[in-house]
Structures are given as structure tokens and as C-alpha cells.
C-alpha atoms as a PDB file:
ATOM      1  CA  MET A   1     140.908  85.671 105.240  1.00  0.00           C
ATOM      2  CA  LYS A   2     141.249  81.898 105.127  1.00  0.00           C
ATOM      3  CA  ARG A   3     137.849  80.302 104.739  1.00  0.00           C
ATOM      4  CA  GLN A   4     136.942  77.014 106.387  1.00  0.00           C
ATOM      5  CA  SER A   5     135.926  74.386 103.847  1.00  0.00           C
ATOM      6  CA  ILE A   6     132.870  72.222 104.452  1.00  0.00           C
ATOM      7  CA  LEU A   7     131.940  69.250 102.285  1.00  0.00           C
ATOM      8  CA  VAL A   8     128.221  69.222 101.499  1.00  0.00           C
ATOM      9  CA  THR A   9     127.033  65.998  99.897  1.00  0.00           C
ATOM     10  CA  GLY A  10     123.946  65.876  97.700  1.00  0.00           C
ATOM     11  CA  GLY A  11     123.739  69.645  97.595  1.00  0.00           C
ATOM     12  CA  ALA A  12     122.062  69.731  94.174  1.00  0.00           C
ATOM     13  CA  GLY A  13     119.011  67.909  95.525  1.00  0.00           C
ATOM     14  CA  PHE A  14     115.917  69.400  97.094  1.00  0.00           C
ATOM     15  CA  ILE A  15     116.994  70.125 100.671  1.00  0.00           C
ATOM     16  CA  GLY A  16     120.677  70.642  99.886  1.00  0.00           C
ATOM     17  CA  SER A  17     119.971  73.204  97.183  1.00  0.00           C
ATOM     18  CA  ASN A  18     117.889  75.206  99.642  1.00  0.00           C
ATOM     19  CA  PHE A  19     120.532  74.819 102.352  1.00  0.00           C
ATOM     20  CA  ILE A  20     123.578  75.955 100.367  1.00  0.00           C
ATOM     21  CA  PRO A  21     122.306  79.467  99.428  1.00  0.00           C
ATOM     22  CA  TYR A  22     120.968  79.908 102.965  1.00  0.00           C
ATOM     23  CA  PHE A  23     124.286  78.844 104.537  1.00  0.00           C
ATOM     24  CA  LEU A  24     126.494  80.897 102.220  1.00  0.00           C
ATOM     25  CA  GLY A  25     124.295  83.916 102.818  1.00  0.00           C
ATOM     26  CA  LYS A  26     124.614  83.595 106.575  1.00  0.00           C
ATOM     27  CA  TYR A  27     128.287  82.632 106.939  1.00  0.00           C
ATOM     28  CA  PRO A  28     130.810  84.581 104.816  1.00  0.00           C
ATOM     29  CA  ALA A  29     133.755  82.678 106.331  1.00  0.00           C
ATOM     30  CA  TYR A  30     132.730  79.284 104.927  1.00  0.00           C
ATOM     31  CA  ARG A  31     133.551  77.716 101.585  1.00  0.00           C
ATOM     32  CA  LEU A  32     131.205  74.933 100.512  1.00  0.00           C
ATOM     33  CA  ILE A  33     132.312  72.018  98.352  1.00  0.00           C
ATOM     34  CA  ASN A  34     129.190  70.372  96.910  1.00  0.00           C
ATOM     35  CA  LEU A  35     129.703  66.726  95.943  1.00  0.00           C
ATOM     36  CA  ASP A  36     126.719  65.398  93.998  1.00  0.00           C
ATOM     37  CA  LEU A  37     126.315  62.542  91.534  1.00  0.00           C
ATOM     38  CA  LEU A  38     123.425  64.338  89.776  1.00  0.00           C
ATOM     39  CA  THR A  39     121.094  61.367  89.761  1.00  0.00           C
ATOM     40  CA  TYR A  40     117.431  61.946  88.879  1.00  0.00           C
ATOM     41  CA  ALA A  41     116.849  64.126  91.980  1.00  0.00           C
ATOM     42  CA  GLY A  42     119.805  66.498  91.607  1.00  0.00           C
ATOM     43  CA  GLU A  43     120.074  69.412  89.198  1.00  0.00           C
ATOM     44  CA  VAL A  44     122.875  71.959  88.802  1.00  0.00           C
ATOM     45  CA  ALA A  45     120.157  74.487  87.893  1.00  0.00           C
ATOM     46  CA  ASN A  46     118.898  74.266  91.479  1.00  0.00           C
ATOM     47  CA  LEU A  47     121.962  76.269  92.526  1.00  0.00           C
ATOM     48  CA  VAL A  48     122.157  78.885  89.810  1.00  0.00           C
ATOM     49  CA  GLU A  49     121.992  81.655  92.413  1.00  0.00           C
ATOM     50  CA  VAL A  50     125.365  80.635  93.914  1.00  0.00           C
ATOM     51  CA  SER A  51     127.109  79.316  90.787  1.00  0.00           C
ATOM     52  CA  SER A  52     129.350  82.393  90.485  1.00  0.00           C
ATOM     53  CA  ASP A  53     130.095  82.700  94.208  1.00  0.00           C
ATOM     54  CA  PRO A  54     133.844  82.121  94.782  1.00  0.00           C
ATOM     55  CA  ARG A  55     132.982  80.418  98.084  1.00  0.00           C
ATOM     56  CA  TYR A  56     131.071  77.678  96.261  1.00  0.00           C
ATOM     57  CA  CYS A  57     132.542  74.756  94.333  1.00  0.00           C
ATOM     58  CA  PHE A  58     130.570  72.003  92.605  1.00  0.00           C
ATOM     59  CA  VAL A  59     132.079  68.546  92.087  1.00  0.00           C
ATOM     60  CA  GLU A  60     130.164  65.867  90.208  1.00  0.00           C
ATOM     61  CA  GLY A  61     130.901  62.520  91.779  1.00  0.00           C
ATOM     62  CA  ASP A  62     129.853  59.593  93.930  1.00  0.00           C
ATOM     63  CA  ILE A  63     130.078  59.526  97.727  1.00  0.00           C
ATOM     64  CA  CYS A  64     130.979  55.829  97.395  1.00  0.00           C
ATOM     65  CA  ASP A  65     134.159  56.764  95.486  1.00  0.00           C
ATOM     66  CA  ARG A  66     136.731  56.647  98.267  1.00  0.00           C
ATOM     67  CA  VAL A  67     139.574  57.960  96.114  1.00  0.00           C
ATOM     68  CA  LEU A  68     137.544  60.989  95.061  1.00  0.00           C
ATOM     69  CA  VAL A  69     136.279  61.725  98.573  1.00  0.00           C
ATOM     70  CA  ARG A  70     139.802  61.461  99.985  1.00  0.00           C
ATOM     71  CA  SER A  71     141.150  63.782  97.295  1.00  0.00           C
ATOM     72  CA  LEU A  72     138.533  66.405  98.164  1.00  0.00           C
ATOM     73  CA  PHE A  73     139.491  66.284 101.843  1.00  0.00           C
ATOM     74  CA  GLU A  74     143.124  66.782 100.924  1.00  0.00           C
ATOM     75  CA  GLN A  75     142.622  69.399  98.192  1.00  0.00           C
ATOM     76  CA  TYR A  76     140.276  71.606 100.200  1.00  0.00           C
ATOM     77  CA  ASP A  77     141.360  70.698 103.751  1.00  0.00           C
ATOM     78  CA  ILE A  78     137.797  69.767 104.649  1.00  0.00           C
ATOM     79  CA  ARG A  79     136.915  70.695 108.244  1.00  0.00           C
ATOM     80  CA  GLY A  80     133.268  69.643 108.313  1.00  0.00           C
ATOM     81  CA  VAL A  81     130.788  67.416 106.507  1.00  0.00           C
ATOM     82  CA  ILE A  82     127.063  68.072 106.110  1.00  0.00           C
ATOM     83  CA  HIS A  83     125.701  64.890 104.590  1.00  0.00           C
ATOM     84  CA  PHE A  84     122.462  65.187 102.600  1.00  0.00           C
ATOM     85  CA  ALA A  85     123.241  62.732  99.794  1.00  0.00           C
ATOM     86  CA  ALA A  86     120.810  59.816  99.733  1.00  0.00           C
ATOM     87  CA  GLU A  87     118.465  57.906  97.538  1.00  0.00           C
ATOM     88  CA  SER A  88     115.158  58.953  99.059  1.00  0.00           C
ATOM     89  CA  HIS A  89     112.110  58.017  97.013  1.00  0.00           C
ATOM     90  CA  VAL A  90     110.246  55.182  98.748  1.00  0.00           C
ATOM     91  CA  ASP A  91     108.581  53.866  95.571  1.00  0.00           C
ATOM     92  CA  ASN A  92     111.992  53.593  93.908  1.00  0.00           C
ATOM     93  CA  SER A  93     113.376  51.725  96.918  1.00  0.00           C
ATOM     94  CA  ILE A  94     110.608  49.141  96.565  1.00  0.00           C
ATOM     95  CA  ALA A  95     111.342  48.645  92.862  1.00  0.00           C
ATOM     96  CA  ASN A  96     115.164  48.777  93.106  1.00  0.00           C
ATOM     97  CA  PRO A  97     116.451  48.486  96.684  1.00  0.00           C
ATOM     98  CA  SER A  98     120.076  47.731  95.798  1.00  0.00           C
ATOM     99  CA  VAL A  99     120.972  51.318  94.869  1.00  0.00           C
ATOM    100  CA  PHE A 100     119.574  52.497  98.223  1.00  0.00           C
ATOM    101  CA  ILE A 101     121.795  50.052 100.080  1.00  0.00           C
ATOM    102  CA  GLN A 102     124.830  51.146  98.093  1.00  0.00           C
ATOM    103  CA  THR A 103     124.360  54.914  98.319  1.00  0.00           C
ATOM    104  CA  ASN A 104     122.794  55.313 101.738  1.00  0.00           C
ATOM    105  CA  ILE A 105     124.836  52.735 103.632  1.00  0.00           C
ATOM    106  CA  THR A 106     128.122  52.282 101.760  1.00  0.00           C
ATOM    107  CA  GLY A 107     128.265  55.959 100.810  1.00  0.00           C
ATOM    108  CA  THR A 108     127.778  57.117 104.396  1.00  0.00           C
ATOM    109  CA  PHE A 109     130.409  54.651 105.620  1.00  0.00           C
ATOM    110  CA  THR A 110     132.884  55.884 103.003  1.00  0.00           C
ATOM    111  CA  LEU A 111     132.434  59.520 104.042  1.00  0.00           C
ATOM    112  CA  LEU A 112     132.777  58.706 107.735  1.00  0.00           C
ATOM    113  CA  ASP A 113     135.826  56.541 107.244  1.00  0.00           C
ATOM    114  CA  VAL A 114     137.632  59.097 105.093  1.00  0.00           C
ATOM    115  CA  ALA A 115     136.787  61.863 107.580  1.00  0.00           C
ATOM    116  CA  TYR A 116     138.077  59.713 110.436  1.00  0.00           C
ATOM    117  CA  GLY A 117     141.346  59.027 108.618  1.00  0.00           C
ATOM    118  CA  TYR A 118     141.840  62.685 107.714  1.00  0.00           C
ATOM    119  CA  TRP A 119     140.812  64.340 110.994  1.00  0.00           C
ATOM    120  CA  MET A 120     141.964  61.847 113.602  1.00  0.00           C
ATOM    121  CA  GLU A 121     145.221  60.136 114.564  1.00  0.00           C
ATOM    122  CA  LYS A 122     143.484  57.281 116.391  1.00  0.00           C
ATOM    123  CA  PRO A 123     140.238  56.712 118.326  1.00  0.00           C
ATOM    124  CA  PHE A 124     139.350  59.775 120.432  1.00  0.00           C
ATOM    125  CA  VAL A 125     142.479  61.665 119.351  1.00  0.00           C
ATOM    126  CA  TYR A 126     142.123  64.403 116.734  1.00  0.00           C
ATOM    127  CA  ARG A 127     145.027  65.687 114.690  1.00  0.00           C
ATOM    128  CA  GLU A 128     146.380  68.997 115.904  1.00  0.00           C
ATOM    129  CA  GLY A 129     144.095  71.783 114.674  1.00  0.00           C
ATOM    130  CA  TYR A 130     141.229  69.439 113.725  1.00  0.00           C
ATOM    131  CA  ALA A 131     139.454  69.028 117.055  1.00  0.00           C
ATOM    132  CA  GLY A 132     136.502  71.161 115.979  1.00  0.00           C
ATOM    133  CA  CYS A 133     135.722  69.177 112.843  1.00  0.00           C
ATOM    134  CA  ARG A 134     132.184  67.804 112.760  1.00  0.00           C
ATOM    135  CA  PHE A 135     130.267  65.259 110.687  1.00  0.00           C
ATOM    136  CA  HIS A 136     126.549  66.046 110.497  1.00  0.00           C
ATOM    137  CA  HIS A 137     124.191  63.422 109.067  1.00  0.00           C
ATOM    138  CA  ILE A 138     120.705  64.250 107.787  1.00  0.00           C
ATOM    139  CA  SER A 139     118.186  61.449 108.230  1.00  0.00           C
ATOM    140  CA  THR A 140     114.419  60.929 108.269  1.00  0.00           C
ATOM    141  CA  ASP A 141     111.526  60.209 110.610  1.00  0.00           C
ATOM    142  CA  GLU A 142     110.773  57.114 108.523  1.00  0.00           C
ATOM    143  CA  VAL A 143     113.434  55.184 110.467  1.00  0.00           C
ATOM    144  CA  TYR A 144     110.968  55.075 113.387  1.00  0.00           C
ATOM    145  CA  GLY A 145     108.327  53.166 111.445  1.00  0.00           C
ATOM    146  CA  THR A 146     104.682  54.119 111.773  1.00  0.00           C
ATOM    147  CA  LEU A 147     102.492  55.643 114.472  1.00  0.00           C
ATOM    148  CA  GLY A 148      98.933  54.963 115.562  1.00  0.00           C
ATOM    149  CA  GLU A 149      96.384  57.728 115.873  1.00  0.00           C
ATOM    150  CA  GLU A 150      98.195  59.289 118.828  1.00  0.00           C
ATOM    151  CA  GLY A 151     101.774  59.901 119.941  1.00  0.00           C
ATOM    152  CA  LEU A 152     104.897  61.434 118.424  1.00  0.00           C
ATOM    153  CA  PHE A 153     108.334  60.204 117.424  1.00  0.00           C
ATOM    154  CA  ASN A 154     111.070  61.472 119.741  1.00  0.00           C
ATOM    155  CA  GLU A 155     114.771  60.790 119.963  1.00  0.00           C
ATOM    156  CA  GLN A 156     114.209  57.735 122.180  1.00  0.00           C
ATOM    157  CA  THR A 157     111.695  56.072 119.848  1.00  0.00           C
ATOM    158  CA  PRO A 158     113.007  52.615 118.824  1.00  0.00           C
ATOM    159  CA  TYR A 159     113.880  52.213 115.164  1.00  0.00           C
ATOM    160  CA  ALA A 160     111.390  50.145 113.154  1.00  0.00           C
ATOM    161  CA  PRO A 161     111.892  50.931 109.449  1.00  0.00           C
ATOM    162  CA  ASN A 162     109.308  49.476 107.078  1.00  0.00           C
ATOM    163  CA  SER A 163     110.713  50.112 103.577  1.00  0.00           C
ATOM    164  CA  PRO A 164     114.077  49.476 101.917  1.00  0.00           C
ATOM    165  CA  TYR A 165     114.559  53.266 101.919  1.00  0.00           C
ATOM    166  CA  SER A 166     113.941  53.730 105.633  1.00  0.00           C
ATOM    167  CA  ALA A 167     115.943  50.584 106.442  1.00  0.00           C
ATOM    168  CA  SER A 168     118.934  51.968 104.538  1.00  0.00           C
ATOM    169  CA  LYS A 169     118.645  55.313 106.356  1.00  0.00           C
ATOM    170  CA  ALA A 170     118.343  53.557 109.718  1.00  0.00           C
ATOM    171  CA  SER A 171     121.507  51.621 108.885  1.00  0.00           C
ATOM    172  CA  SER A 172     123.368  54.811 107.978  1.00  0.00           C
ATOM    173  CA  ASP A 173     122.272  56.410 111.258  1.00  0.00           C
ATOM    174  CA  MET A 174     123.693  53.454 113.169  1.00  0.00           C
ATOM    175  CA  ILE A 175     127.010  53.711 111.343  1.00  0.00           C
ATOM    176  CA  VAL A 176     127.273  57.410 112.257  1.00  0.00           C
ATOM    177  CA  ARG A 177     126.441  56.520 115.854  1.00  0.00           C
ATOM    178  CA  SER A 178     129.137  53.850 115.878  1.00  0.00           C
ATOM    179  CA  TYR A 179     131.828  56.294 114.741  1.00  0.00           C
ATOM    180  CA  TYR A 180     130.996  58.510 117.694  1.00  0.00           C
ATOM    181  CA  HIS A 181     131.008  55.730 120.291  1.00  0.00           C
ATOM    182  CA  THR A 182     133.899  53.667 118.882  1.00  0.00           C
ATOM    183  CA  TYR A 183     136.217  56.369 117.529  1.00  0.00           C
ATOM    184  CA  GLY A 184     135.097  59.521 119.309  1.00  0.00           C
ATOM    185  CA  MET A 185     134.193  61.296 116.076  1.00  0.00           C
ATOM    186  CA  ASN A 186     132.407  64.600 116.583  1.00  0.00           C
ATOM    187  CA  SER A 187     129.148  63.657 114.884  1.00  0.00           C
ATOM    188  CA  THR A 188     125.487  64.661 115.085  1.00  0.00           C
ATOM    189  CA  ILE A 189     122.299  63.371 113.463  1.00  0.00           C
ATOM    190  CA  THR A 190     119.004  65.054 112.622  1.00  0.00           C
ATOM    191  CA  ASN A 191     115.841  63.149 111.746  1.00  0.00           C
ATOM    192  CA  CYS A 192     113.309  65.305 109.949  1.00  0.00           C
ATOM    193  CA  SER A 193     109.658  65.045 109.010  1.00  0.00           C
ATOM    194  CA  ASN A 194     108.326  65.448 105.444  1.00  0.00           C
ATOM    195  CA  ASN A 195     109.845  68.500 103.781  1.00  0.00           C
ATOM    196  CA  TYR A 196     108.092  70.683 101.243  1.00  0.00           C
ATOM    197  CA  GLY A 197     108.983  73.886  99.427  1.00  0.00           C
ATOM    198  CA  PRO A 198     110.810  75.125  96.315  1.00  0.00           C
ATOM    199  CA  LYS A 199     113.085  72.865  94.252  1.00  0.00           C
ATOM    200  CA  GLN A 200     111.554  69.544  95.287  1.00  0.00           C
ATOM    201  CA  HIS A 201     111.669  66.805  92.658  1.00  0.00           C
ATOM    202  CA  ASP A 202     108.598  66.650  90.441  1.00  0.00           C
ATOM    203  CA  GLU A 203     107.614  63.112  91.462  1.00  0.00           C
ATOM    204  CA  LYS A 204     107.085  63.962  95.147  1.00  0.00           C
ATOM    205  CA  LEU A 205     103.533  64.411  96.438  1.00  0.00           C
ATOM    206  CA  ILE A 206     103.119  68.194  96.533  1.00  0.00           C
ATOM    207  CA  PRO A 207     104.813  68.960  93.173  1.00  0.00           C
ATOM    208  CA  THR A 208     102.852  66.083  91.614  1.00  0.00           C
ATOM    209  CA  ILE A 209      99.534  67.500  92.798  1.00  0.00           C
ATOM    210  CA  ILE A 210     100.398  70.964  91.472  1.00  0.00           C
ATOM    211  CA  ARG A 211     101.767  69.702  88.146  1.00  0.00           C
ATOM    212  CA  LYS A 212      98.908  67.318  87.452  1.00  0.00           C
ATOM    213  CA  ALA A 213      96.332  69.951  88.398  1.00  0.00           C
ATOM    214  CA  LEU A 214      97.782  72.540  86.033  1.00  0.00           C
ATOM    215  CA  ARG A 215      97.953  70.014  83.173  1.00  0.00           C
ATOM    216  CA  GLY A 216      94.340  68.954  83.643  1.00  0.00           C
ATOM    217  CA  GLU A 217      95.435  65.401  84.451  1.00  0.00           C
ATOM    218  CA  SER A 218      94.204  63.053  87.151  1.00  0.00           C
ATOM    219  CA  ILE A 219      95.718  63.822  90.551  1.00  0.00           C
ATOM    220  CA  PRO A 220      96.634  60.406  92.035  1.00  0.00           C
ATOM    221  CA  ILE A 221      96.274  59.816  95.767  1.00  0.00           C
ATOM    222  CA  TYR A 222      97.343  56.496  97.290  1.00  0.00           C
ATOM    223  CA  GLY A 223      94.739  54.290  98.979  1.00  0.00           C
ATOM    224  CA  ASP A 224      92.103  56.212 100.915  1.00  0.00           C
ATOM    225  CA  GLY A 225      94.229  59.361 101.229  1.00  0.00           C
ATOM    226  CA  LYS A 226      94.237  59.175 105.022  1.00  0.00           C
ATOM    227  CA  ASN A 227      97.976  58.611 105.482  1.00  0.00           C
ATOM    228  CA  ILE A 228      99.242  61.397 107.754  1.00  0.00           C
ATOM    229  CA  ARG A 229     102.585  63.202 107.595  1.00  0.00           C
ATOM    230  CA  ASP A 230     104.089  66.039 109.637  1.00  0.00           C
ATOM    231  CA  TRP A 231     105.006  68.727 107.085  1.00  0.00           C
ATOM    232  CA  LEU A 232     108.137  70.863 107.519  1.00  0.00           C
ATOM    233  CA  TYR A 233     108.957  73.852 105.322  1.00  0.00           C
ATOM    234  CA  VAL A 234     112.396  73.279 103.829  1.00  0.00           C
ATOM    235  CA  LEU A 235     114.008  76.514 105.059  1.00  0.00           C
ATOM    236  CA  ASP A 236     112.883  75.742 108.615  1.00  0.00           C
ATOM    237  CA  HIS A 237     114.679  72.420 108.204  1.00  0.00           C
ATOM    238  CA  CYS A 238     117.785  74.240 106.965  1.00  0.00           C
ATOM    239  CA  ARG A 239     117.755  76.477 110.039  1.00  0.00           C
ATOM    240  CA  GLY A 240     117.535  73.401 112.249  1.00  0.00           C
ATOM    241  CA  ILE A 241     120.509  71.774 110.529  1.00  0.00           C
ATOM    242  CA  ASP A 242     122.476  75.001 110.941  1.00  0.00           C
ATOM    243  CA  LEU A 243     121.775  75.057 114.692  1.00  0.00           C
ATOM    244  CA  VAL A 244     122.698  71.422 115.222  1.00  0.00           C
ATOM    245  CA  TYR A 245     125.864  71.664 113.115  1.00  0.00           C
ATOM    246  CA  HIS A 246     127.107  74.639 115.120  1.00  0.00           C
ATOM    247  CA  ASP A 247     125.654  74.107 118.592  1.00  0.00           C
ATOM    248  CA  GLY A 248     124.468  70.504 118.885  1.00  0.00           C
ATOM    249  CA  VAL A 249     126.116  68.174 121.399  1.00  0.00           C
ATOM    250  CA  ALA A 250     128.447  65.602 119.844  1.00  0.00           C
ATOM    251  CA  GLY A 251     126.882  62.153 119.631  1.00  0.00           C
ATOM    252  CA  GLU A 252     123.348  63.487 119.996  1.00  0.00           C
ATOM    253  CA  VAL A 253     120.299  63.072 117.767  1.00  0.00           C
ATOM    254  CA  TYR A 254     117.835  65.927 117.202  1.00  0.00           C
ATOM    255  CA  ASN A 255     114.409  65.569 115.617  1.00  0.00           C
ATOM    256  CA  ILE A 256     113.164  68.390 113.371  1.00  0.00           C
ATOM    257  CA  GLY A 257     109.418  68.523 112.758  1.00  0.00           C
ATOM    258  CA  GLY A 258     106.944  71.145 111.683  1.00  0.00           C
ATOM    259  CA  ARG A 259     104.058  70.259 114.027  1.00  0.00           C
ATOM    260  CA  ASN A 260     101.875  70.408 110.919  1.00  0.00           C
ATOM    261  CA  GLU A 261     100.117  67.047 110.643  1.00  0.00           C
ATOM    262  CA  ARG A 262      97.969  66.701 107.533  1.00  0.00           C
ATOM    263  CA  ASP A 263      96.609  63.669 105.716  1.00  0.00           C
ATOM    264  CA  ASN A 264      97.042  63.367 101.955  1.00  0.00           C
ATOM    265  CA  ASN A 265      93.400  64.228 101.320  1.00  0.00           C
ATOM    266  CA  THR A 266      93.856  67.533 103.127  1.00  0.00           C
ATOM    267  CA  ILE A 267      97.076  68.258 101.249  1.00  0.00           C
ATOM    268  CA  ALA A 268      95.439  67.633  97.879  1.00  0.00           C
ATOM    269  CA  HIS A 269      92.300  69.644  98.598  1.00  0.00           C
ATOM    270  CA  THR A 270      94.241  72.539 100.147  1.00  0.00           C
ATOM    271  CA  ILE A 271      96.482  72.809  97.086  1.00  0.00           C
ATOM    272  CA  CYS A 272      93.498  72.629  94.754  1.00  0.00           C
ATOM    273  CA  GLU A 273      91.691  75.365  96.669  1.00  0.00           C
ATOM    274  CA  ILE A 274      94.727  77.657  96.532  1.00  0.00           C
ATOM    275  CA  LEU A 275      95.145  76.979  92.805  1.00  0.00           C
ATOM    276  CA  ASP A 276      91.466  77.797  92.289  1.00  0.00           C
ATOM    277  CA  ARG A 277      92.274  81.215  93.750  1.00  0.00           C
ATOM    278  CA  LEU A 278      95.722  81.893  92.291  1.00  0.00           C
ATOM    279  CA  HIS A 279      95.274  80.315  88.840  1.00  0.00           C
ATOM    280  CA  PRO A 280      91.592  79.562  88.225  1.00  0.00           C
ATOM    281  CA  LYS A 281      90.590  77.352  85.327  1.00  0.00           C
ATOM    282  CA  ALA A 282      89.108  79.065  82.299  1.00  0.00           C
ATOM    283  CA  SER A 283      86.149  76.696  82.629  1.00  0.00           C
ATOM    284  CA  MET A 284      85.686  77.832  86.242  1.00  0.00           C
ATOM    285  CA  LYS A 285      85.654  74.171  87.304  1.00  0.00           C
ATOM    286  CA  GLN A 286      87.523  73.185  90.447  1.00  0.00           C
ATOM    287  CA  TYR A 287      90.916  71.467  90.431  1.00  0.00           C
ATOM    288  CA  ALA A 288      89.688  69.071  93.134  1.00  0.00           C
ATOM    289  CA  ASP A 289      87.520  67.388  90.496  1.00  0.00           C
ATOM    290  CA  GLN A 290      90.760  65.848  89.121  1.00  0.00           C
ATOM    291  CA  ILE A 291      91.558  63.917  92.340  1.00  0.00           C
ATOM    292  CA  VAL A 292      91.468  60.139  91.913  1.00  0.00           C
ATOM    293  CA  TYR A 293      92.401  57.308  94.276  1.00  0.00           C
ATOM    294  CA  VAL A 294      94.915  54.697  93.132  1.00  0.00           C
ATOM    295  CA  GLN A 295      96.233  51.411  94.523  1.00  0.00           C
ATOM    296  CA  ASP A 296      98.119  51.992  97.742  1.00  0.00           C
ATOM    297  CA  ARG A 297     101.892  51.768  97.966  1.00  0.00           C
ATOM    298  CA  ALA A 298     103.299  48.524  99.389  1.00  0.00           C
ATOM    299  CA  GLY A 299     104.086  48.904 103.084  1.00  0.00           C
ATOM    300  CA  HIS A 300     102.694  52.444 103.193  1.00  0.00           C
ATOM    301  CA  ASP A 301     103.202  53.760 106.755  1.00  0.00           C
ATOM    302  CA  ARG A 302      99.982  55.233 108.145  1.00  0.00           C
ATOM    303  CA  ARG A 303     101.220  58.163 110.205  1.00  0.00           C
ATOM    304  CA  TYR A 304     104.435  60.021 111.039  1.00  0.00           C
ATOM    305  CA  ALA A 305     104.724  62.918 113.476  1.00  0.00           C
ATOM    306  CA  ILE A 306     107.799  64.452 115.096  1.00  0.00           C
ATOM    307  CA  ASP A 307     108.297  65.820 118.604  1.00  0.00           C
ATOM    308  CA  ALA A 308     110.851  68.626 118.140  1.00  0.00           C
ATOM    309  CA  THR A 309     110.905  69.608 121.832  1.00  0.00           C
ATOM    310  CA  LYS A 310     114.584  68.738 122.304  1.00  0.00           C
ATOM    311  CA  LEU A 311     115.683  70.989 119.428  1.00  0.00           C
ATOM    312  CA  GLU A 312     113.345  73.761 120.547  1.00  0.00           C
ATOM    313  CA  GLU A 313     114.314  73.729 124.210  1.00  0.00           C
ATOM    314  CA  GLN A 314     118.038  72.952 123.977  1.00  0.00           C
ATOM    315  CA  LEU A 315     118.999  74.911 120.856  1.00  0.00           C
ATOM    316  CA  GLY A 316     116.175  77.442 120.559  1.00  0.00           C
ATOM    317  CA  TRP A 317     114.854  76.324 117.180  1.00  0.00           C
ATOM    318  CA  VAL A 318     111.499  77.750 116.143  1.00  0.00           C
ATOM    319  CA  ALA A 319     109.705  77.037 112.868  1.00  0.00           C
ATOM    320  CA  GLN A 320     109.086  80.290 111.001  1.00  0.00           C
ATOM    321  CA  GLU A 321     106.421  78.846 108.700  1.00  0.00           C
ATOM    322  CA  ASN A 322     103.212  77.047 109.473  1.00  0.00           C
ATOM    323  CA  PHE A 323     101.611  74.932 106.782  1.00  0.00           C
ATOM    324  CA  GLU A 324      99.177  77.647 105.737  1.00  0.00           C
ATOM    325  CA  SER A 325     101.967  80.135 105.025  1.00  0.00           C
ATOM    326  CA  GLY A 326     104.491  77.659 103.650  1.00  0.00           C
ATOM    327  CA  ILE A 327     102.169  75.965 101.173  1.00  0.00           C
ATOM    328  CA  VAL A 328     101.235  79.290  99.557  1.00  0.00           C
ATOM    329  CA  LYS A 329     104.924  80.156  99.065  1.00  0.00           C
ATOM    330  CA  THR A 330     105.486  76.671  97.654  1.00  0.00           C
ATOM    331  CA  ILE A 331     102.598  76.849  95.188  1.00  0.00           C
ATOM    332  CA  GLU A 332     103.648  80.312  94.008  1.00  0.00           C
ATOM    333  CA  TRP A 333     107.151  78.963  93.267  1.00  0.00           C
ATOM    334  CA  TYR A 334     105.793  76.001  91.295  1.00  0.00           C
ATOM    335  CA  LEU A 335     103.369  78.187  89.350  1.00  0.00           C
ATOM    336  CA  LYS A 336     106.375  80.137  88.070  1.00  0.00           C
ATOM    337  CA  LYS A 337     108.221  76.906  87.262  1.00  0.00           C
ATOM    338  CA  TYR A 338     105.403  75.079  85.502  1.00  0.00           C
ATOM    339  CA  LEU A 339     103.785  78.047  83.751  1.00  0.00           C
ATOM    340  CA  HIS A 340     106.789  80.248  82.976  1.00  0.00           C
ATOM    341  CA  GLY A 341     109.863  78.055  83.503  1.00  0.00           C
END
């Protein structure tokens, strides 16, 4: 049986390394080529469970490297792209925005342009046998800016990015959009809310709270801790990407959100309470005693929240985890990593 090859970019990072085992487990007829530069957020060890699978191939490299990307399309006859690769840490984008512009904008353009040249003869005309090829781009709710106390981001919300990170992602979204409208490329975009779950980089909020708590260190919370995010369990995000890649309408955008709004104070105290139960301190003191408030991040958006109605009603997506169930699974995974890893 000839397997269809899909290029997955950034598959050694948090979301990609959850997506690849899920996708390979569900679809025996696919072969996944994982192109990842292995920057600070990507680890080969994140994919140890598929490393020996003959349907999986890892390639270390840069999505900005046009020669490499083109060679992968030709070598593996790539018929789809699922594009995770991005610089994504907001604090890093404030300190060093140039790498975000390069990777998130130039890298996305390079992938699109190579795919266009390989799949299509000219605008709106696919090569024979390539009409079903799709480019799926994973983006973020941060492109929409910030919300007040009420309301939700939907697919018609105007873009208003407030950090170099979100500005670079907004730019990449617009480039994907342009390749659909100008060239007729079969492309889709998903904008997701804050993900959490296994394999997330240590410097993100939830792993930081768990790690600092277990080490007896101060648990830093920005500002007053009242910044609100809509939390989405990573495997629910993966299921949404799967649905949009296979069944989404070309040229459309779909928002994926968990309907689990929590402020950072609630996140920190919830994690501490669960740790008190699962791994109590020998002193019997509470982990919440370690919470401290630090200077707020520059340009820190106050609230994000996603309306996933379009994905739910048109493609039948349903989140399988709520925050109460997902956070316990997440903490149990990190306890194994930090205490026994």
C-alpha cells in the first residue's frame, strides 16, 4: 500500500509532538515527515513513542531553508502540510523579535511558496493528481488582541495583535489567506486558545508552576494574576486540527477553544491544591504559600476567550476534557517527569 506523505513542521514541539502520535495512531495510510529545527522548544525525546515507526521520519532543519523544503517535497512526494512550526514564547518575542519575524513570517511564506510550486501549474490549476493537497496552518487567538470582561473571539473578529509574537502570527495568517485568494491554494487556518497538557516546554505557565512548587521555589505570577485565558487540552486541539485538515472548507478559518476561562490566580491555586493532594509536602505546608507576584509583562493582554461554535456546528468537534479533568492528567504527567524523569 502506497502511503500518502504529509509534511509536519515543528513536530518536536509541544503541540506537534502530541499530534504526531495521535495522527499516526488514527491513520495507518499516512506517512509523516517531521521537519523541526530543534530550537529550545523542540526535543526529539518528545516523540520517542513513534521513533521506530516506519511511517515516521524526522528531519532536522529550518522551514526558511527553501532548498531543503523543496527537496523534501520531491523526495517524499508531499501531498499535505500541517504547519505547527513557530517561535511562540511572548516574553522571548519582546526581548528578541527578529527571530519571530524570520521564522513565523518568512518560514510560513517559504512553505507556502514551495507547496504552490510543487502542487500547482498556475493559479487555481493543480497538477494532475494533486488536487486534494492541502496546506493547514496552526495559529493563535493572540492575533485578535485582547478582550474586555465580556465577549468572545470568533472568526470575524478583526486582528489586533499586541506583541511581536502575535503580530508575526497575524502576518503568517494573512500570507496563508493570500495564497488561497490569489492562487487558489487549498488552505485552512485554525486559531486556538491556550493549550496545556503533556510535553509543554518548562518555561510556560503551567509547567513553571508545577516545577517551582516541587522544588520549593517561589511561584511567579505576573502582575495581579487576573489575566484570563481560555484553556484547551492539547489532545482536544489535535482532534480539532484533524477535523479541519480532513473536512474543513478551503479558505476558511476555524477557532478552537476549550470554553475553560481561568485567570492566572485560579490556575496557580488549582495546581497547588492538586499537588497538596497528589504529592503533599513532608512539612504539611501548602504549595500555595510559594506564590509570589512579579512585575507584569510588557503589553500583557488582559483576557482571551474563543468562540468555537463554527467548529462545533459545522464539523462536529467536541472537547473531551474540561479543565478539571485535563489539569489532573497534566499534573500527573509532570510529576512523573520532574520526580522520576
